[in-house]
Amino acid sequence: MYYIKLIFVVISMLLSLSIGEWLMHKYIMHNTEGSFGRFILGEQHIIHHNQVNSDMTLKEGEEHIGLYFGVWETFWISVAIMVIQRIIMYIINFDCKITYSFGISLAGGLFYKFMWDYLHYSFHDLTDNLEINKLNPYFYWWFKNHAYHHLVKGEAKGNYNIIVPGADFLFGTYRSCVTNKEYCKENDNEICSIEESNRLLNHGFNFCEK
């Protein structure tokens, strides 16, 4: 029984990471002006989105920010892991000292930071190895998952899980194609042009609307 509960704890760790990432990315990193998230992170993540080209490379001649997982982000993801983890432990009646739980949560947060820094950097082609990495089907899935997060605008935006998949499927925000039909009715964004649509198709991205 102990090992069965231990397996549940490991699963809860992954679930905590996924849900914590989703919550932080959606409600803190994609914050509105005057919100708590804007107070914590400022404009960093919003500026990062404005610096990304349609092929996921970054615009030249600008200081690129928001690529790495900062101290505040690591703190909040660790807190989210711990809270969700403790709730699951309570539900399954798994006895674990709070100090152990804190240590596990911090380790999970640091591991997440390492993976974010490595993968997010690679997604935006700063190593010039993107075409080689795309031959790996696992990396390519993560890459397209993040690409659709950048390419889908407005209320339809999704794919808030960058490193640990799961919560997007759970909360109905997973996107596997570009859908900006409603957004483009009210916004004059570059992505709404026919030229940009053709560029996206040439880069291998799909549109939901045929």
N, C-alpha and C. Protein backbone atom coordinates (compact mmCIF):
# COMPACT_ATOMS: atom_id res chain seq x y z
N MET A 1 0.83 -1.21 0.00
CA MET A 1 0.00 0.00 0.00
C MET A 1 0.87 1.26 0.00
N TYR A 2 2.00 1.20 0.74
CA TYR A 2 2.89 2.35 0.82
C TYR A 2 3.39 2.74 -0.57
N TYR A 3 3.81 1.73 -1.35
CA TYR A 3 4.38 2.02 -2.67
C TYR A 3 3.31 2.52 -3.65
N ILE A 4 2.10 2.03 -3.47
CA ILE A 4 1.00 2.53 -4.31
C ILE A 4 0.78 4.01 -4.03
N LYS A 5 0.80 4.37 -2.74
CA LYS A 5 0.65 5.77 -2.37
C LYS A 5 1.83 6.61 -2.87
N LEU A 6 3.02 5.99 -2.84
CA LEU A 6 4.21 6.70 -3.32
C LEU A 6 4.08 7.01 -4.81
N ILE A 7 3.53 6.05 -5.56
CA ILE A 7 3.29 6.28 -6.99
C ILE A 7 2.33 7.44 -7.19
N PHE A 8 1.29 7.50 -6.35
CA PHE A 8 0.34 8.61 -6.40
C PHE A 8 1.04 9.94 -6.14
N VAL A 9 2.02 9.92 -5.21
CA VAL A 9 2.75 11.15 -4.89
C VAL A 9 3.57 11.60 -6.10
N VAL A 10 4.22 10.65 -6.77
CA VAL A 10 5.01 10.98 -7.97
C VAL A 10 4.09 11.56 -9.05
N ILE A 11 2.95 10.90 -9.24
CA ILE A 11 1.98 11.40 -10.23
C ILE A 11 1.49 12.80 -9.84
N SER A 12 1.28 12.98 -8.53
CA SER A 12 0.83 14.30 -8.06
C SER A 12 1.88 15.36 -8.31
N MET A 13 3.16 14.95 -8.26
CA MET A 13 4.26 15.88 -8.53
C MET A 13 4.16 16.39 -9.97
N LEU A 14 3.97 15.46 -10.90
CA LEU A 14 3.85 15.84 -12.31
C LEU A 14 2.59 16.66 -12.56
N LEU A 15 1.50 16.24 -11.92
CA LEU A 15 0.24 16.97 -12.06
C LEU A 15 0.37 18.37 -11.48
N SER A 16 1.06 18.47 -10.35
CA SER A 16 1.28 19.77 -9.71
C SER A 16 2.09 20.69 -10.62
N LEU A 17 3.14 20.13 -11.23
CA LEU A 17 3.96 20.92 -12.15
C LEU A 17 3.14 21.43 -13.33
N SER A 18 2.32 20.53 -13.88
CA SER A 18 1.53 20.89 -15.06
C SER A 18 0.48 21.95 -14.73
N ILE A 19 -0.27 21.74 -13.65
CA ILE A 19 -1.30 22.71 -13.26
C ILE A 19 -0.67 24.02 -12.80
N GLY A 20 0.43 23.91 -12.04
CA GLY A 20 1.12 25.11 -11.58
C GLY A 20 1.64 25.94 -12.74
N GLU A 21 2.20 25.26 -13.74
CA GLU A 21 2.69 25.95 -14.94
C GLU A 21 1.54 26.64 -15.67
N TRP A 22 0.43 25.95 -15.81
CA TRP A 22 -0.73 26.48 -16.51
C TRP A 22 -1.26 27.73 -15.81
N LEU A 23 -1.42 27.64 -14.49
CA LEU A 23 -1.94 28.77 -13.72
C LEU A 23 -1.01 29.98 -13.79
N MET A 24 0.29 29.71 -13.62
CA MET A 24 1.26 30.80 -13.62
C MET A 24 1.34 31.46 -15.00
N HIS A 25 1.37 30.63 -16.05
CA HIS A 25 1.53 31.17 -17.40
C HIS A 25 0.28 31.96 -17.82
N LYS A 26 -0.89 31.43 -17.51
CA LYS A 26 -2.14 32.07 -17.94
C LYS A 26 -2.47 33.31 -17.12
N TYR A 27 -2.32 33.22 -15.81
CA TYR A 27 -2.84 34.29 -14.94
C TYR A 27 -1.77 35.23 -14.39
N ILE A 28 -0.50 34.86 -14.49
CA ILE A 28 0.56 35.75 -14.01
C ILE A 28 1.39 36.28 -15.18
N MET A 29 1.86 35.38 -16.04
CA MET A 29 2.71 35.83 -17.15
C MET A 29 1.90 36.56 -18.23
N HIS A 30 0.66 36.10 -18.47
CA HIS A 30 -0.21 36.80 -19.41
C HIS A 30 -1.19 37.67 -18.61
N ASN A 31 -0.60 38.62 -17.92
CA ASN A 31 -1.38 39.46 -17.02
C ASN A 31 -1.90 40.70 -17.73
N THR A 32 -2.92 41.29 -17.17
CA THR A 32 -3.44 42.54 -17.69
C THR A 32 -2.87 43.71 -16.90
N GLU A 33 -2.92 44.87 -17.48
CA GLU A 33 -2.36 46.06 -16.84
C GLU A 33 -3.04 46.32 -15.50
N GLY A 34 -2.22 46.54 -14.47
CA GLY A 34 -2.75 46.79 -13.14
C GLY A 34 -3.02 45.53 -12.33
N SER A 35 -2.73 44.35 -12.90
CA SER A 35 -3.00 43.09 -12.21
C SER A 35 -1.85 42.72 -11.29
N PHE A 36 -2.09 41.71 -10.45
CA PHE A 36 -1.06 41.21 -9.53
C PHE A 36 0.11 40.64 -10.32
N GLY A 37 -0.20 39.95 -11.42
CA GLY A 37 0.85 39.37 -12.25
C GLY A 37 1.76 40.42 -12.85
N ARG A 38 1.18 41.53 -13.30
CA ARG A 38 1.98 42.62 -13.86
C ARG A 38 2.88 43.23 -12.79
N PHE A 39 2.39 43.25 -11.54
CA PHE A 39 3.19 43.76 -10.42
C PHE A 39 4.40 42.86 -10.18
N ILE A 40 4.22 41.54 -10.33
CA ILE A 40 5.30 40.59 -10.07
C ILE A 40 6.33 40.58 -11.20
N LEU A 41 5.87 40.46 -12.44
CA LEU A 41 6.77 40.24 -13.57
C LEU A 41 6.96 41.44 -14.48
N GLY A 42 6.16 42.48 -14.28
CA GLY A 42 6.26 43.62 -15.17
C GLY A 42 5.83 43.25 -16.58
N GLU A 43 6.56 43.76 -17.56
CA GLU A 43 6.19 43.57 -18.97
C GLU A 43 6.98 42.46 -19.65
N GLN A 44 7.81 41.74 -18.90
CA GLN A 44 8.79 40.84 -19.52
C GLN A 44 8.17 39.85 -20.50
N HIS A 45 7.17 39.10 -20.06
CA HIS A 45 6.63 38.05 -20.91
C HIS A 45 5.85 38.63 -22.09
N ILE A 46 5.18 39.75 -21.87
CA ILE A 46 4.44 40.40 -22.95
C ILE A 46 5.40 40.89 -24.02
N ILE A 47 6.52 41.48 -23.59
CA ILE A 47 7.53 41.95 -24.54
C ILE A 47 8.11 40.77 -25.31
N HIS A 48 8.34 39.66 -24.61
CA HIS A 48 8.85 38.45 -25.28
C HIS A 48 7.94 38.05 -26.44
N HIS A 49 6.64 38.05 -26.22
CA HIS A 49 5.70 37.69 -27.28
C HIS A 49 5.80 38.64 -28.47
N ASN A 50 6.03 39.90 -28.20
CA ASN A 50 6.14 40.89 -29.28
C ASN A 50 7.44 40.77 -30.06
N GLN A 51 8.41 40.02 -29.52
CA GLN A 51 9.71 39.87 -30.18
C GLN A 51 9.81 38.60 -31.02
N VAL A 52 8.74 37.80 -31.06
CA VAL A 52 8.78 36.51 -31.75
C VAL A 52 8.22 36.62 -33.17
N ASN A 53 9.00 36.13 -34.14
CA ASN A 53 8.54 36.08 -35.53
C ASN A 53 7.62 34.88 -35.75
N SER A 54 6.99 34.82 -36.92
CA SER A 54 6.03 33.74 -37.19
C SER A 54 6.69 32.37 -37.27
N ASP A 55 8.01 32.32 -37.53
CA ASP A 55 8.70 31.03 -37.59
C ASP A 55 9.32 30.67 -36.24
N MET A 56 9.01 31.46 -35.21
CA MET A 56 9.45 31.25 -33.83
C MET A 56 10.86 31.78 -33.55
N THR A 57 11.55 32.30 -34.55
CA THR A 57 12.81 32.97 -34.28
C THR A 57 12.50 34.34 -33.66
N LEU A 58 13.53 35.00 -33.15
CA LEU A 58 13.34 36.29 -32.51
C LEU A 58 13.80 37.44 -33.41
N LYS A 59 13.13 38.55 -33.29
CA LYS A 59 13.46 39.71 -34.11
C LYS A 59 14.87 40.19 -33.81
N GLU A 60 15.59 40.52 -34.85
CA GLU A 60 16.97 40.95 -34.70
C GLU A 60 17.04 42.41 -34.26
N GLY A 61 18.16 42.76 -33.65
CA GLY A 61 18.40 44.13 -33.26
C GLY A 61 17.71 44.55 -31.98
N GLU A 62 17.16 43.59 -31.22
CA GLU A 62 16.50 43.91 -29.96
C GLU A 62 17.13 43.10 -28.83
N GLU A 63 17.06 43.66 -27.63
CA GLU A 63 17.52 42.91 -26.46
C GLU A 63 16.42 41.91 -26.08
N HIS A 64 16.72 40.65 -26.21
CA HIS A 64 15.72 39.61 -26.00
C HIS A 64 15.56 39.31 -24.51
N ILE A 65 14.34 39.43 -24.03
CA ILE A 65 14.06 39.18 -22.63
C ILE A 65 12.93 38.15 -22.53
N GLY A 66 12.76 37.60 -21.33
CA GLY A 66 11.68 36.66 -21.09
C GLY A 66 11.97 35.25 -21.57
N LEU A 67 13.22 34.97 -21.94
CA LEU A 67 13.55 33.63 -22.42
C LEU A 67 13.79 32.66 -21.27
N TYR A 68 14.24 33.19 -20.15
CA TYR A 68 14.62 32.33 -19.04
C TYR A 68 13.63 32.43 -17.89
N PHE A 69 13.62 31.41 -17.08
CA PHE A 69 12.72 31.31 -15.94
C PHE A 69 13.37 32.01 -14.76
N GLY A 70 12.77 33.10 -14.30
CA GLY A 70 13.38 33.91 -13.25
C GLY A 70 13.13 33.40 -11.84
N VAL A 71 13.64 34.14 -10.87
CA VAL A 71 13.51 33.76 -9.46
C VAL A 71 12.05 33.75 -9.02
N TRP A 72 11.30 34.79 -9.40
CA TRP A 72 9.90 34.87 -9.00
C TRP A 72 9.09 33.72 -9.57
N GLU A 73 9.34 33.42 -10.85
CA GLU A 73 8.61 32.33 -11.48
C GLU A 73 8.90 30.99 -10.80
N THR A 74 10.20 30.77 -10.47
CA THR A 74 10.59 29.53 -9.78
C THR A 74 9.92 29.44 -8.42
N PHE A 75 9.83 30.57 -7.72
CA PHE A 75 9.18 30.59 -6.41
C PHE A 75 7.71 30.21 -6.53
N TRP A 76 7.01 30.84 -7.48
CA TRP A 76 5.57 30.60 -7.61
C TRP A 76 5.25 29.19 -8.08
N ILE A 77 6.07 28.63 -8.97
CA ILE A 77 5.81 27.26 -9.43
C ILE A 77 6.06 26.29 -8.29
N SER A 78 7.06 26.58 -7.43
CA SER A 78 7.34 25.72 -6.28
C SER A 78 6.18 25.76 -5.28
N VAL A 79 5.63 26.96 -5.05
CA VAL A 79 4.48 27.10 -4.15
C VAL A 79 3.28 26.32 -4.70
N ALA A 80 3.04 26.45 -6.00
CA ALA A 80 1.91 25.74 -6.61
C ALA A 80 2.08 24.23 -6.48
N ILE A 81 3.30 23.75 -6.71
CA ILE A 81 3.58 22.31 -6.57
C ILE A 81 3.26 21.85 -5.16
N MET A 82 3.74 22.61 -4.17
CA MET A 82 3.57 22.22 -2.78
C MET A 82 2.10 22.20 -2.37
N VAL A 83 1.35 23.22 -2.75
CA VAL A 83 -0.07 23.30 -2.37
C VAL A 83 -0.85 22.13 -2.97
N ILE A 84 -0.70 21.92 -4.27
CA ILE A 84 -1.43 20.83 -4.93
C ILE A 84 -0.99 19.48 -4.39
N GLN A 85 0.31 19.35 -4.17
CA GLN A 85 0.86 18.10 -3.64
C GLN A 85 0.29 17.78 -2.26
N ARG A 86 0.23 18.78 -1.38
CA ARG A 86 -0.30 18.56 -0.02
C ARG A 86 -1.78 18.18 -0.06
N ILE A 87 -2.52 18.79 -0.97
CA ILE A 87 -3.94 18.46 -1.10
C ILE A 87 -4.11 17.00 -1.50
N ILE A 88 -3.32 16.56 -2.49
CA ILE A 88 -3.42 15.18 -2.95
C ILE A 88 -2.97 14.21 -1.86
N MET A 89 -1.91 14.57 -1.14
CA MET A 89 -1.44 13.72 -0.04
C MET A 89 -2.51 13.58 1.04
N TYR A 90 -3.20 14.66 1.31
CA TYR A 90 -4.27 14.63 2.31
C TYR A 90 -5.41 13.72 1.85
N ILE A 91 -5.76 13.83 0.57
CA ILE A 91 -6.86 13.04 0.03
C ILE A 91 -6.56 11.54 0.12
N ILE A 92 -5.33 11.15 -0.20
CA ILE A 92 -4.99 9.72 -0.19
C ILE A 92 -4.41 9.28 1.15
N ASN A 93 -4.41 10.20 2.13
CA ASN A 93 -3.94 9.89 3.48
C ASN A 93 -2.49 9.40 3.47
N PHE A 94 -1.63 10.12 2.76
CA PHE A 94 -0.21 9.78 2.69
C PHE A 94 0.55 10.68 3.65
N ASP A 95 1.21 10.08 4.63
CA ASP A 95 1.91 10.85 5.66
C ASP A 95 3.29 11.26 5.17
N CYS A 96 3.52 12.55 5.09
CA CYS A 96 4.82 13.07 4.66
C CYS A 96 5.10 14.36 5.42
N LYS A 97 6.28 14.44 6.04
CA LYS A 97 6.63 15.62 6.81
C LYS A 97 6.64 16.85 5.90
N ILE A 98 6.25 17.97 6.47
CA ILE A 98 6.16 19.21 5.70
C ILE A 98 7.53 19.61 5.14
N THR A 99 8.60 19.28 5.90
CA THR A 99 9.95 19.62 5.42
C THR A 99 10.31 18.81 4.17
N TYR A 100 9.91 17.53 4.15
CA TYR A 100 10.16 16.71 2.97
C TYR A 100 9.35 17.24 1.78
N SER A 101 8.12 17.59 2.07
CA SER A 101 7.24 18.10 1.02
C SER A 101 7.81 19.39 0.43
N PHE A 102 8.33 20.25 1.31
CA PHE A 102 8.94 21.50 0.86
C PHE A 102 10.16 21.23 -0.01
N GLY A 103 10.99 20.27 0.44
CA GLY A 103 12.20 19.92 -0.31
C GLY A 103 11.87 19.37 -1.69
N ILE A 104 10.86 18.50 -1.74
CA ILE A 104 10.43 17.92 -3.02
C ILE A 104 9.91 19.01 -3.95
N SER A 105 9.13 19.93 -3.39
CA SER A 105 8.55 21.01 -4.19
C SER A 105 9.63 21.94 -4.74
N LEU A 106 10.61 22.26 -3.90
CA LEU A 106 11.70 23.13 -4.34
C LEU A 106 12.53 22.44 -5.42
N ALA A 107 12.80 21.14 -5.22
CA ALA A 107 13.55 20.39 -6.23
C ALA A 107 12.79 20.36 -7.55
N GLY A 108 11.47 20.18 -7.45
CA GLY A 108 10.64 20.19 -8.65
C GLY A 108 10.67 21.53 -9.35
N GLY A 109 10.64 22.61 -8.56
CA GLY A 109 10.69 23.95 -9.13
C GLY A 109 12.01 24.23 -9.83
N LEU A 110 13.12 23.78 -9.22
CA LEU A 110 14.44 23.99 -9.82
C LEU A 110 14.62 23.15 -11.08
N PHE A 111 14.10 21.91 -11.04
CA PHE A 111 14.15 21.06 -12.23
C PHE A 111 13.34 21.69 -13.36
N TYR A 112 12.20 22.22 -13.00
CA TYR A 112 11.35 22.88 -14.00
C TYR A 112 12.07 24.07 -14.61
N LYS A 113 12.74 24.86 -13.76
CA LYS A 113 13.49 26.03 -14.26
C LYS A 113 14.56 25.59 -15.26
N PHE A 114 15.27 24.51 -14.93
CA PHE A 114 16.32 24.01 -15.83
C PHE A 114 15.73 23.61 -17.18
N MET A 115 14.61 22.88 -17.15
CA MET A 115 13.99 22.41 -18.39
C MET A 115 13.44 23.59 -19.20
N TRP A 116 12.83 24.56 -18.51
CA TRP A 116 12.31 25.75 -19.20
C TRP A 116 13.45 26.48 -19.90
N ASP A 117 14.54 26.75 -19.17
CA ASP A 117 15.66 27.50 -19.73
C ASP A 117 16.25 26.79 -20.95
N TYR A 118 16.34 25.46 -20.88
CA TYR A 118 16.92 24.70 -21.99
C TYR A 118 15.98 24.65 -23.19
N LEU A 119 14.73 24.23 -22.96
CA LEU A 119 13.80 24.04 -24.07
C LEU A 119 13.32 25.36 -24.67
N HIS A 120 12.97 26.32 -23.81
CA HIS A 120 12.46 27.60 -24.31
C HIS A 120 13.51 28.31 -25.16
N TYR A 121 14.75 28.22 -24.72
CA TYR A 121 15.86 28.79 -25.50
C TYR A 121 15.94 28.12 -26.87
N SER A 122 15.81 26.78 -26.88
CA SER A 122 15.90 26.03 -28.13
C SER A 122 14.72 26.31 -29.05
N PHE A 123 13.51 26.50 -28.47
CA PHE A 123 12.32 26.75 -29.29
C PHE A 123 12.49 27.97 -30.19
N HIS A 124 13.25 28.94 -29.71
CA HIS A 124 13.37 30.20 -30.44
C HIS A 124 14.66 30.29 -31.25
N ASP A 125 15.26 29.12 -31.53
CA ASP A 125 16.30 29.01 -32.55
C ASP A 125 17.58 29.79 -32.24
N LEU A 126 17.84 30.05 -30.97
CA LEU A 126 19.02 30.84 -30.65
C LEU A 126 20.30 30.02 -30.76
N THR A 127 20.18 28.69 -30.86
CA THR A 127 21.36 27.84 -30.99
C THR A 127 21.62 27.48 -32.45
N ASP A 128 20.77 27.94 -33.36
CA ASP A 128 20.87 27.64 -34.79
C ASP A 128 20.76 26.14 -35.08
N ASN A 129 20.20 25.38 -34.14
CA ASN A 129 20.06 23.93 -34.33
C ASN A 129 18.60 23.51 -34.40
N LEU A 130 17.70 24.47 -34.63
CA LEU A 130 16.27 24.15 -34.59
C LEU A 130 15.89 23.10 -35.63
N GLU A 131 16.40 23.23 -36.85
CA GLU A 131 16.04 22.27 -37.90
C GLU A 131 16.51 20.87 -37.55
N ILE A 132 17.67 20.77 -36.89
CA ILE A 132 18.16 19.45 -36.46
C ILE A 132 17.29 18.92 -35.34
N ASN A 133 16.96 19.77 -34.37
CA ASN A 133 16.14 19.34 -33.23
C ASN A 133 14.75 18.91 -33.68
N LYS A 134 14.24 19.53 -34.75
CA LYS A 134 12.89 19.21 -35.22
C LYS A 134 12.80 17.79 -35.79
N LEU A 135 13.94 17.16 -36.05
CA LEU A 135 13.94 15.77 -36.50
C LEU A 135 13.57 14.83 -35.36
N ASN A 136 13.71 15.31 -34.13
CA ASN A 136 13.30 14.53 -32.96
C ASN A 136 11.80 14.74 -32.76
N PRO A 137 10.98 13.68 -32.89
CA PRO A 137 9.52 13.85 -32.83
C PRO A 137 9.03 14.40 -31.50
N TYR A 138 9.73 14.07 -30.41
CA TYR A 138 9.32 14.57 -29.10
C TYR A 138 9.57 16.07 -29.01
N PHE A 139 10.76 16.50 -29.40
CA PHE A 139 11.07 17.93 -29.39
C PHE A 139 10.12 18.68 -30.33
N TYR A 140 9.87 18.09 -31.51
CA TYR A 140 9.03 18.77 -32.50
C TYR A 140 7.61 18.97 -31.98
N TRP A 141 7.10 17.99 -31.21
CA TRP A 141 5.78 18.16 -30.62
C TRP A 141 5.78 19.33 -29.64
N TRP A 142 6.80 19.38 -28.76
CA TRP A 142 6.90 20.47 -27.79
C TRP A 142 7.06 21.81 -28.51
N PHE A 143 7.86 21.80 -29.58
CA PHE A 143 8.08 23.02 -30.34
C PHE A 143 6.77 23.55 -30.93
N LYS A 144 5.99 22.68 -31.60
CA LYS A 144 4.74 23.11 -32.22
C LYS A 144 3.71 23.50 -31.15
N ASN A 145 3.74 22.80 -30.03
CA ASN A 145 2.85 23.15 -28.93
C ASN A 145 3.11 24.59 -28.48
N HIS A 146 4.37 24.95 -28.36
CA HIS A 146 4.72 26.31 -27.95
C HIS A 146 4.48 27.31 -29.08
N ALA A 147 4.71 26.88 -30.31
CA ALA A 147 4.48 27.77 -31.46
C ALA A 147 3.02 28.18 -31.54
N TYR A 148 2.11 27.25 -31.33
CA TYR A 148 0.68 27.59 -31.39
C TYR A 148 0.29 28.50 -30.22
N HIS A 149 1.02 28.42 -29.12
CA HIS A 149 0.77 29.36 -28.03
C HIS A 149 1.07 30.78 -28.49
N HIS A 150 2.14 30.95 -29.25
CA HIS A 150 2.51 32.28 -29.76
C HIS A 150 1.60 32.73 -30.90
N LEU A 151 1.21 31.80 -31.75
CA LEU A 151 0.51 32.16 -32.99
C LEU A 151 -0.98 32.39 -32.81
N VAL A 152 -1.59 31.74 -31.84
CA VAL A 152 -3.03 31.94 -31.58
C VAL A 152 -3.19 33.17 -30.69
N LYS A 153 -4.01 34.11 -31.10
CA LYS A 153 -4.15 35.38 -30.40
C LYS A 153 -5.51 35.50 -29.71
N GLY A 154 -5.60 36.49 -28.82
CA GLY A 154 -6.87 36.84 -28.20
C GLY A 154 -7.43 35.79 -27.27
N GLU A 155 -8.76 35.71 -27.20
CA GLU A 155 -9.44 34.81 -26.28
C GLU A 155 -9.20 33.34 -26.59
N ALA A 156 -8.82 33.03 -27.82
CA ALA A 156 -8.60 31.64 -28.22
C ALA A 156 -7.22 31.13 -27.81
N LYS A 157 -6.37 32.01 -27.29
CA LYS A 157 -5.00 31.60 -26.94
C LYS A 157 -5.02 30.42 -25.98
N GLY A 158 -4.09 29.51 -26.17
CA GLY A 158 -4.00 28.33 -25.31
C GLY A 158 -2.57 27.84 -25.21
N ASN A 159 -2.42 26.54 -24.95
CA ASN A 159 -1.11 25.90 -24.82
C ASN A 159 -0.23 26.63 -23.79
N TYR A 160 -0.78 26.78 -22.60
CA TYR A 160 -0.03 27.42 -21.53
C TYR A 160 0.98 26.48 -20.89
N ASN A 161 0.86 25.19 -21.16
CA ASN A 161 1.89 24.25 -20.72
C ASN A 161 3.04 24.28 -21.71
N ILE A 162 4.20 24.66 -21.23
CA ILE A 162 5.39 24.74 -22.08
C ILE A 162 6.26 23.51 -21.90
N ILE A 163 6.40 23.04 -20.66
CA ILE A 163 7.31 21.95 -20.36
C ILE A 163 6.58 20.67 -19.98
N VAL A 164 5.55 20.77 -19.14
CA VAL A 164 4.86 19.58 -18.62
C VAL A 164 3.42 19.55 -19.16
N PRO A 165 3.15 18.77 -20.19
CA PRO A 165 1.79 18.71 -20.76
C PRO A 165 0.79 18.13 -19.75
N GLY A 166 -0.46 18.46 -19.95
CA GLY A 166 -1.50 17.89 -19.10
C GLY A 166 -2.64 18.84 -18.83
N ALA A 167 -2.33 19.96 -18.20
CA ALA A 167 -3.37 20.90 -17.77
C ALA A 167 -4.13 21.51 -18.94
N ASP A 168 -3.45 21.73 -20.06
CA ASP A 168 -4.15 22.28 -21.23
C ASP A 168 -5.25 21.34 -21.71
N PHE A 169 -4.99 20.04 -21.66
CA PHE A 169 -6.01 19.06 -22.03
C PHE A 169 -7.11 19.03 -20.98
N LEU A 170 -6.71 19.15 -19.72
CA LEU A 170 -7.66 19.10 -18.61
C LEU A 170 -8.62 20.29 -18.63
N PHE A 171 -8.09 21.48 -18.95
CA PHE A 171 -8.89 22.71 -18.90
C PHE A 171 -9.39 23.17 -20.27
N GLY A 172 -9.16 22.36 -21.30
CA GLY A 172 -9.69 22.68 -22.63
C GLY A 172 -8.99 23.79 -23.37
N THR A 173 -7.72 24.02 -23.07
CA THR A 173 -6.99 25.11 -23.74
C THR A 173 -5.90 24.60 -24.68
N TYR A 174 -5.93 23.31 -24.99
CA TYR A 174 -4.92 22.79 -25.92
C TYR A 174 -5.28 23.20 -27.35
N ARG A 175 -4.28 23.70 -28.09
CA ARG A 175 -4.46 24.12 -29.47
C ARG A 175 -3.48 23.35 -30.37
N SER A 176 -4.00 22.78 -31.46
CA SER A 176 -3.15 22.04 -32.39
C SER A 176 -3.18 22.67 -33.78
N CYS A 177 -3.72 23.88 -33.85
CA CYS A 177 -3.77 24.62 -35.12
C CYS A 177 -4.00 26.10 -34.80
N VAL A 178 -3.79 26.94 -35.80
CA VAL A 178 -3.96 28.39 -35.63
C VAL A 178 -5.41 28.77 -35.89
N THR A 179 -6.03 29.42 -34.91
CA THR A 179 -7.40 29.89 -35.08
C THR A 179 -7.52 31.33 -34.59
N ASN A 180 -7.48 32.26 -35.55
CA ASN A 180 -7.54 33.69 -35.21
C ASN A 180 -8.71 34.39 -35.89
N LYS A 181 -9.69 33.63 -36.32
CA LYS A 181 -10.82 34.20 -37.07
C LYS A 181 -11.53 35.29 -36.28
N GLU A 182 -11.90 35.01 -35.03
CA GLU A 182 -12.61 35.99 -34.21
C GLU A 182 -11.70 37.15 -33.84
N TYR A 183 -10.44 36.85 -33.53
CA TYR A 183 -9.48 37.89 -33.16
C TYR A 183 -9.29 38.89 -34.30
N CYS A 184 -9.17 38.39 -35.53
CA CYS A 184 -8.89 39.25 -36.68
C CYS A 184 -10.08 40.11 -37.09
N LYS A 185 -11.27 39.79 -36.59
CA LYS A 185 -12.44 40.63 -36.87
C LYS A 185 -12.31 41.99 -36.20
N GLU A 186 -11.59 42.05 -35.08
CA GLU A 186 -11.50 43.28 -34.30
C GLU A 186 -10.09 43.83 -34.19
N ASN A 187 -9.11 43.13 -34.76
CA ASN A 187 -7.72 43.57 -34.63
C ASN A 187 -7.02 43.56 -35.98
N ASP A 188 -6.19 44.56 -36.18
CA ASP A 188 -5.41 44.68 -37.41
C ASP A 188 -3.98 44.24 -37.13
N ASN A 189 -3.82 42.95 -36.87
CA ASN A 189 -2.52 42.40 -36.53
C ASN A 189 -1.87 41.81 -37.78
N GLU A 190 -0.54 41.82 -37.80
CA GLU A 190 0.19 41.27 -38.94
C GLU A 190 -0.23 39.83 -39.25
N ILE A 191 -0.54 39.08 -38.20
CA ILE A 191 -0.87 37.67 -38.38
C ILE A 191 -2.18 37.47 -39.13
N CYS A 192 -2.97 38.52 -39.26
CA CYS A 192 -4.26 38.43 -39.95
C CYS A 192 -4.13 38.59 -41.47
N SER A 193 -2.95 38.94 -41.95
CA SER A 193 -2.77 39.17 -43.38
C SER A 193 -2.61 37.86 -44.14
N ILE A 194 -2.94 37.89 -45.42
CA ILE A 194 -2.80 36.70 -46.27
C ILE A 194 -1.33 36.32 -46.40
N GLU A 195 -0.45 37.34 -46.49
CA GLU A 195 0.98 37.08 -46.62
C GLU A 195 1.50 36.32 -45.41
N GLU A 196 1.06 36.74 -44.22
CA GLU A 196 1.52 36.07 -43.00
C GLU A 196 0.94 34.66 -42.91
N SER A 197 -0.30 34.50 -43.34
CA SER A 197 -0.91 33.16 -43.35
C SER A 197 -0.13 32.21 -44.24
N ASN A 198 0.31 32.71 -45.39
CA ASN A 198 1.11 31.88 -46.30
C ASN A 198 2.46 31.53 -45.69
N ARG A 199 3.04 32.49 -44.96
CA ARG A 199 4.31 32.22 -44.30
C ARG A 199 4.15 31.12 -43.26
N LEU A 200 3.06 31.17 -42.50
CA LEU A 200 2.81 30.15 -41.49
C LEU A 200 2.67 28.77 -42.12
N LEU A 201 1.97 28.70 -43.24
CA LEU A 201 1.82 27.43 -43.95
C LEU A 201 3.17 26.92 -44.43
N ASN A 202 4.00 27.83 -44.91
CA ASN A 202 5.34 27.44 -45.38
C ASN A 202 6.22 26.94 -44.25
N HIS A 203 5.95 27.43 -43.03
CA HIS A 203 6.72 26.99 -41.87
C HIS A 203 6.19 25.68 -41.30
N GLY A 204 5.13 25.13 -41.88
CA GLY A 204 4.60 23.85 -41.44
C GLY A 204 3.51 23.92 -40.40
N PHE A 205 2.95 25.11 -40.16
CA PHE A 205 1.87 25.25 -39.18
C PHE A 205 0.51 25.10 -39.87
N ASN A 206 -0.46 24.64 -39.12
CA ASN A 206 -1.79 24.36 -39.67
C ASN A 206 -2.81 25.39 -39.19
N PHE A 207 -3.82 25.63 -40.02
CA PHE A 207 -4.94 26.49 -39.65
C PHE A 207 -6.16 25.63 -39.34
N CYS A 208 -6.91 26.02 -38.32
CA CYS A 208 -8.13 25.29 -37.97
C CYS A 208 -9.19 25.50 -39.03
N GLU A 209 -9.30 26.74 -39.54
CA GLU A 209 -10.28 27.07 -40.57
C GLU A 209 -9.67 26.84 -41.94
N LYS A 210 -10.32 26.05 -42.75
CA LYS A 210 -9.82 25.75 -44.09
C LYS A 210 -10.29 26.81 -45.08
